[in-house]
C-alpha atoms as a PDB file:
ATOM      1  CA  MET A   1       9.715 -60.703 100.282  1.00  0.00           C
ATOM      2  CA  LYS A   2       7.111 -59.940  97.971  1.00  0.00           C
ATOM      3  CA  ASN A   3       6.876 -61.453  94.213  1.00  0.00           C
ATOM      4  CA  ILE A   4       6.463 -58.692  91.852  1.00  0.00           C
ATOM      5  CA  ARG A   5       5.374 -59.400  88.400  1.00  0.00           C
ATOM      6  CA  GLY A   6       5.446 -57.094  85.498  1.00  0.00           C
ATOM      7  CA  PHE A   7       8.202 -56.321  82.930  1.00  0.00           C
ATOM      8  CA  THR A   8      11.076 -54.463  83.309  1.00  0.00           C
ATOM      9  CA  LEU A   9      12.153 -51.124  81.661  1.00  0.00           C
ATOM     10  CA  ILE A  10      14.786 -53.205  78.569  1.00  0.00           C
ATOM     11  CA  GLU A  11      11.992 -55.829  78.363  1.00  0.00           C
ATOM     12  CA  THR A  12       9.208 -53.292  77.240  1.00  0.00           C
ATOM     13  CA  LEU A  13      11.895 -51.287  74.958  1.00  0.00           C
ATOM     14  CA  ILE A  14      12.378 -54.421  73.441  1.00  0.00           C
ATOM     15  CA  TYR A  15       9.165 -55.144  72.759  1.00  0.00           C
ATOM     16  CA  LEU A  16       8.398 -51.958  71.304  1.00  0.00           C
ATOM     17  CA  ALA A  17      11.429 -52.063  68.768  1.00  0.00           C
ATOM     18  CA  LEU A  18      10.054 -55.395  67.634  1.00  0.00           C
ATOM     19  CA  PHE A  19       6.425 -54.262  66.923  1.00  0.00           C
ATOM     20  CA  GLY A  20       8.037 -51.001  65.445  1.00  0.00           C
ATOM     21  CA  ILE A  21      10.013 -53.182  63.197  1.00  0.00           C
ATOM     22  CA  ILE A  22       7.004 -55.519  62.282  1.00  0.00           C
ATOM     23  CA  ILE A  23       4.513 -52.552  61.853  1.00  0.00           C
ATOM     24  CA  GLY A  24       7.397 -50.915  59.711  1.00  0.00           C
ATOM     25  CA  GLY A  25       7.676 -54.037  57.364  1.00  0.00           C
ATOM     26  CA  VAL A  26       3.838 -54.729  57.216  1.00  0.00           C
ATOM     27  CA  SER A  27       3.546 -50.656  56.029  1.00  0.00           C
ATOM     28  CA  ALA A  28       6.231 -51.321  53.344  1.00  0.00           C
ATOM     29  CA  GLY A  29       4.665 -54.527  52.017  1.00  0.00           C
ATOM     30  CA  VAL A  30       0.996 -52.779  51.628  1.00  0.00           C
ATOM     31  CA  TYR A  31       2.705 -49.563  50.237  1.00  0.00           C
ATOM     32  CA  ALA A  32       4.445 -52.134  47.578  1.00  0.00           C
ATOM     33  CA  ILE A  33       1.105 -53.795  46.850  1.00  0.00           C
ATOM     34  CA  ILE A  34      -0.764 -50.542  46.468  1.00  0.00           C
ATOM     35  CA  GLU A  35       1.712 -49.143  44.207  1.00  0.00           C
ATOM     36  CA  GLY A  36       1.789 -52.332  42.001  1.00  0.00           C
ATOM     37  CA  ALA A  37      -1.906 -52.473  41.650  1.00  0.00           C
ATOM     38  CA  GLY A  38      -1.464 -48.900  40.210  1.00  0.00           C
ATOM     39  CA  ARG A  39       1.088 -49.606  37.535  1.00  0.00           C
ATOM     40  CA  THR A  40      -1.243 -52.735  36.739  1.00  0.00           C
ATOM     41  CA  GLN A  41      -4.589 -51.004  36.546  1.00  0.00           C
ATOM     42  CA  THR A  42      -2.354 -48.817  34.173  1.00  0.00           C
ATOM     43  CA  LYS A  43      -1.156 -51.493  31.932  1.00  0.00           C
ATOM     44  CA  ILE A  44      -4.555 -52.760  31.655  1.00  0.00           C
ATOM     45  CA  PHE A  45      -5.728 -49.424  30.794  1.00  0.00           C
ATOM     46  CA  LEU A  46      -3.165 -48.819  28.325  1.00  0.00           C
ATOM     47  CA  GLN A  47      -3.538 -52.527  27.008  1.00  0.00           C
ATOM     48  CA  GLU A  48      -7.403 -52.060  26.483  1.00  0.00           C
ATOM     49  CA  GLU A  49      -6.856 -48.720  24.698  1.00  0.00           C
ATOM     50  CA  GLY A  50      -4.040 -50.309  22.372  1.00  0.00           C
ATOM     51  CA  ASP A  51      -6.606 -52.800  21.333  1.00  0.00           C
ATOM     52  CA  PHE A  52      -9.221 -50.434  20.422  1.00  0.00           C
ATOM     53  CA  LEU A  53      -6.853 -48.431  18.217  1.00  0.00           C
ATOM     54  CA  THR A  54      -5.527 -51.713  16.427  1.00  0.00           C
ATOM     55  CA  ALA A  55      -9.170 -52.628  15.853  1.00  0.00           C
ATOM     56  CA  LYS A  56     -10.158 -48.945  14.631  1.00  0.00           C
ATOM     57  CA  ILE A  57      -7.046 -49.599  12.081  1.00  0.00           C
ATOM     58  CA  ASN A  58      -7.910 -52.877  11.261  1.00  0.00           C
ATOM     59  CA  TRP A  59     -11.345 -52.056  10.567  1.00  0.00           C
ATOM     60  CA  ALA A  60     -10.330 -49.235   8.186  1.00  0.00           C
ATOM     61  CA  LEU A  61      -7.766 -51.597   6.348  1.00  0.00           C
ATOM     62  CA  SER A  62     -10.280 -54.384   6.045  1.00  0.00           C
ATOM     63  CA  GLY A  63     -11.638 -54.199   2.730  1.00  0.00           C
ATOM     64  CA  ALA A  64      -9.783 -51.318   1.637  1.00  0.00           C
ATOM     65  CA  SER A  65      -9.289 -50.590  -2.015  1.00  0.00           C
ATOM     66  CA  ASP A  66      -6.337 -48.471  -1.843  1.00  0.00           C
ATOM     67  CA  ILE A  67      -3.802 -47.213   0.879  1.00  0.00           C
ATOM     68  CA  SER A  68      -1.535 -44.689   0.522  1.00  0.00           C
ATOM     69  CA  VAL A  69       0.767 -43.336   3.502  1.00  0.00           C
ATOM     70  CA  ALA A  70       1.929 -39.676   3.574  1.00  0.00           C
ATOM     71  CA  SER A  71       5.183 -38.560   5.354  1.00  0.00           C
ATOM     72  CA  ASN A  72       4.247 -34.995   5.864  1.00  0.00           C
ATOM     73  CA  PRO A  73       2.014 -34.691   7.588  1.00  0.00           C
ATOM     74  CA  LEU A  74       2.653 -38.131   8.662  1.00  0.00           C
ATOM     75  CA  GLY A  75      -0.648 -40.025   7.796  1.00  0.00           C
ATOM     76  CA  LEU A  76      -2.557 -43.107   6.424  1.00  0.00           C
ATOM     77  CA  LYS A  77      -5.133 -42.769   3.822  1.00  0.00           C
ATOM     78  CA  VAL A  78      -7.567 -45.323   3.344  1.00  0.00           C
ATOM     79  CA  ASP A  79     -10.233 -45.908   0.669  1.00  0.00           C
ATOM     80  CA  LYS A  80     -12.797 -48.857   1.120  1.00  0.00           C
ATOM     81  CA  PHE A  81     -15.231 -50.828  -0.966  1.00  0.00           C
ATOM     82  CA  VAL A  82     -18.529 -49.636  -0.563  1.00  0.00           C
ATOM     83  CA  TYR A  83     -18.135 -47.183   2.020  1.00  0.00           C
ATOM     84  CA  ALA A  84     -19.679 -43.787   2.038  1.00  0.00           C
ATOM     85  CA  ASN A  85     -17.303 -41.301   4.104  1.00  0.00           C
ATOM     86  CA  ASN A  86     -14.132 -42.336   1.971  1.00  0.00           C
ATOM     87  CA  PRO A  87     -11.211 -41.656   2.518  1.00  0.00           C
ATOM     88  CA  LEU A  88     -10.645 -42.630   5.869  1.00  0.00           C
ATOM     89  CA  VAL A  89      -7.212 -40.490   7.059  1.00  0.00           C
ATOM     90  CA  PHE A  90      -5.310 -41.223  10.321  1.00  0.00           C
ATOM     91  CA  ASN A  91      -3.017 -38.595  11.488  1.00  0.00           C
ATOM     92  CA  LEU A  92      -1.072 -37.967  14.323  1.00  0.00           C
ATOM     93  CA  THR A  93      -1.521 -34.656  15.603  1.00  0.00           C
ATOM     94  CA  GLY A  94       0.498 -33.727  18.766  1.00  0.00           C
ATOM     95  CA  ASN A  95       0.214 -36.739  20.724  1.00  0.00           C
ATOM     96  CA  ASP A  96      -3.271 -38.070  19.552  1.00  0.00           C
ATOM     97  CA  LEU A  97      -4.270 -39.964  16.830  1.00  0.00           C
ATOM     98  CA  THR A  98      -7.178 -38.589  14.783  1.00  0.00           C
ATOM     99  CA  LEU A  99      -9.462 -40.021  12.324  1.00  0.00           C
ATOM    100  CA  SER A 100     -11.046 -38.219   9.561  1.00  0.00           C
ATOM    101  CA  GLU A 101     -13.857 -39.680   7.350  1.00  0.00           C
ATOM    102  CA  GLY A 102     -14.511 -38.338   4.210  1.00  0.00           C
ATOM    103  CA  ALA A 103     -14.579 -34.373   4.300  1.00  0.00           C
ATOM    104  CA  GLY A 104     -15.609 -34.695   8.063  1.00  0.00           C
ATOM    105  CA  ALA A 105     -13.634 -32.923  10.816  1.00  0.00           C
ATOM    106  CA  PRO A 106     -10.915 -35.296  12.478  1.00  0.00           C
ATOM    107  CA  GLN A 107     -12.017 -37.268  15.555  1.00  0.00           C
ATOM    108  CA  ILE A 108      -9.511 -37.918  18.387  1.00  0.00           C
ATOM    109  CA  LEU A 109      -9.435 -41.704  18.804  1.00  0.00           C
ATOM    110  CA  ASN A 110      -7.132 -41.905  22.255  1.00  0.00           C
ATOM    111  CA  PRO A 111      -8.551 -40.371  25.581  1.00  0.00           C
ATOM    112  CA  SER A 112      -6.693 -37.203  26.871  1.00  0.00           C
ATOM    113  CA  ALA A 113      -4.735 -39.409  29.483  1.00  0.00           C
ATOM    114  CA  VAL A 114      -3.058 -41.523  26.693  1.00  0.00           C
ATOM    115  CA  LYS A 115      -0.559 -40.183  24.625  1.00  0.00           C
ATOM    116  CA  VAL A 116       0.498 -41.693  21.190  1.00  0.00           C
ATOM    117  CA  GLY A 117       3.951 -41.601  19.915  1.00  0.00           C
ATOM    118  CA  ASN A 118       6.432 -43.304  17.842  1.00  0.00           C
ATOM    119  CA  LEU A 119       3.796 -43.372  15.001  1.00  0.00           C
ATOM    120  CA  ILE A 120       5.484 -45.607  12.199  1.00  0.00           C
ATOM    121  CA  LEU A 121       3.630 -45.899   9.181  1.00  0.00           C
ATOM    122  CA  GLN A 122       5.430 -48.103   6.393  1.00  0.00           C
ATOM    123  CA  ASP A 123       4.068 -49.143   2.712  1.00  0.00           C
ATOM    124  CA  ILE A 124       4.741 -52.758   1.988  1.00  0.00           C
ATOM    125  CA  PRO A 125       5.180 -52.693  -1.831  1.00  0.00           C
ATOM    126  CA  GLY A 126       4.318 -55.921  -3.826  1.00  0.00           C
ATOM    127  CA  GLN A 127       1.638 -58.211  -4.416  1.00  0.00           C
ATOM    128  CA  PRO A 128      -0.477 -57.917  -2.526  1.00  0.00           C
ATOM    129  CA  GLU A 129       0.413 -54.511  -1.397  1.00  0.00           C
ATOM    130  CA  GLY A 130       0.197 -53.974   2.440  1.00  0.00           C
ATOM    131  CA  VAL A 131       0.840 -51.522   5.338  1.00  0.00           C
ATOM    132  CA  LEU A 132       2.508 -51.796   8.804  1.00  0.00           C
ATOM    133  CA  VAL A 133       1.395 -49.458  11.412  1.00  0.00           C
ATOM    134  CA  SER A 134       2.928 -49.116  14.841  1.00  0.00           C
ATOM    135  CA  PHE A 135       2.748 -47.058  17.883  1.00  0.00           C
ATOM    136  CA  THR A 136       3.543 -46.481  21.544  1.00  0.00           C
ATOM    137  CA  LEU A 137       1.401 -45.497  24.048  1.00  0.00           C
ATOM    138  CA  SER A 138       2.059 -43.906  27.463  1.00  0.00           C
ATOM    139  CA  ALA A 139      -0.132 -42.839  30.496  1.00  0.00           C
ATOM    140  CA  PRO A 140       0.946 -41.607  33.827  1.00  0.00           C
ATOM    141  CA  ALA A 141       0.285 -44.310  36.433  1.00  0.00           C
ATOM    142  CA  GLN A 142      -1.095 -43.258  40.245  1.00  0.00           C
ATOM    143  CA  ASN A 143       2.511 -42.793  41.520  1.00  0.00           C
ATOM    144  CA  GLY A 144       3.470 -40.468  38.759  1.00  0.00           C
ATOM    145  CA  SER A 145       5.802 -42.755  36.675  1.00  0.00           C
ATOM    146  CA  VAL A 146       4.886 -43.271  33.155  1.00  0.00           C
ATOM    147  CA  ILE A 147       4.061 -46.673  31.753  1.00  0.00           C
ATOM    148  CA  THR A 148       4.609 -46.998  28.123  1.00  0.00           C
ATOM    149  CA  GLN A 149       3.352 -50.102  25.695  1.00  0.00           C
ATOM    150  CA  ASP A 150       4.218 -50.819  21.888  1.00  0.00           C
ATOM    151  CA  PHE A 151       1.567 -51.864  19.414  1.00  0.00           C
ATOM    152  CA  GLU A 152       1.727 -53.162  16.008  1.00  0.00           C
ATOM    153  CA  VAL A 153      -0.756 -53.736  12.985  1.00  0.00           C
ATOM    154  CA  THR A 154       0.416 -55.246   9.739  1.00  0.00           C
ATOM    155  CA  LYS A 155      -2.221 -55.801   7.094  1.00  0.00           C
ATOM    156  CA  TYR A 156      -2.304 -56.825   3.319  1.00  0.00           C
ATOM    157  CA  LEU A 157      -5.150 -55.926   1.023  1.00  0.00           C
ATOM    158  CA  ARG A 158      -7.051 -58.301  -1.039  1.00  0.00           C
ATOM    159  CA  LYS A 159      -7.674 -57.649  -5.035  1.00  0.00           C
END
């Protein structure tokens, strides 16, 4: 009698099924990691853009001699001490935050992939006078979902 070594058909099918389950699990894990990295990259991008916009608003409000909030159209007008291009005017135009310096044309401050929404400009009366600026940034992630993040700046005038 010969001693035949090898796998039976049932053993081969079991090994293939186990291999398929393992490969499926690894594929799902890799997909989740890649998708999570895309969302994280978009969140970092939004944070950088929000930091830029809040720094620009802080710059405009630092050394301001007068601020006023308009409701129609929604805008913030700032006059700075010793600044040649007064007034500085922030407006929400569609989904873009714009800045006009003096009589110059408005410049869009956010990139086209980032949308600005929910802009709130609130005058804070009293001594010292102040202003609260809050807004929401949104951008599409690589998988098509939209990531949003809120930002806020509160600044008081020194007189």
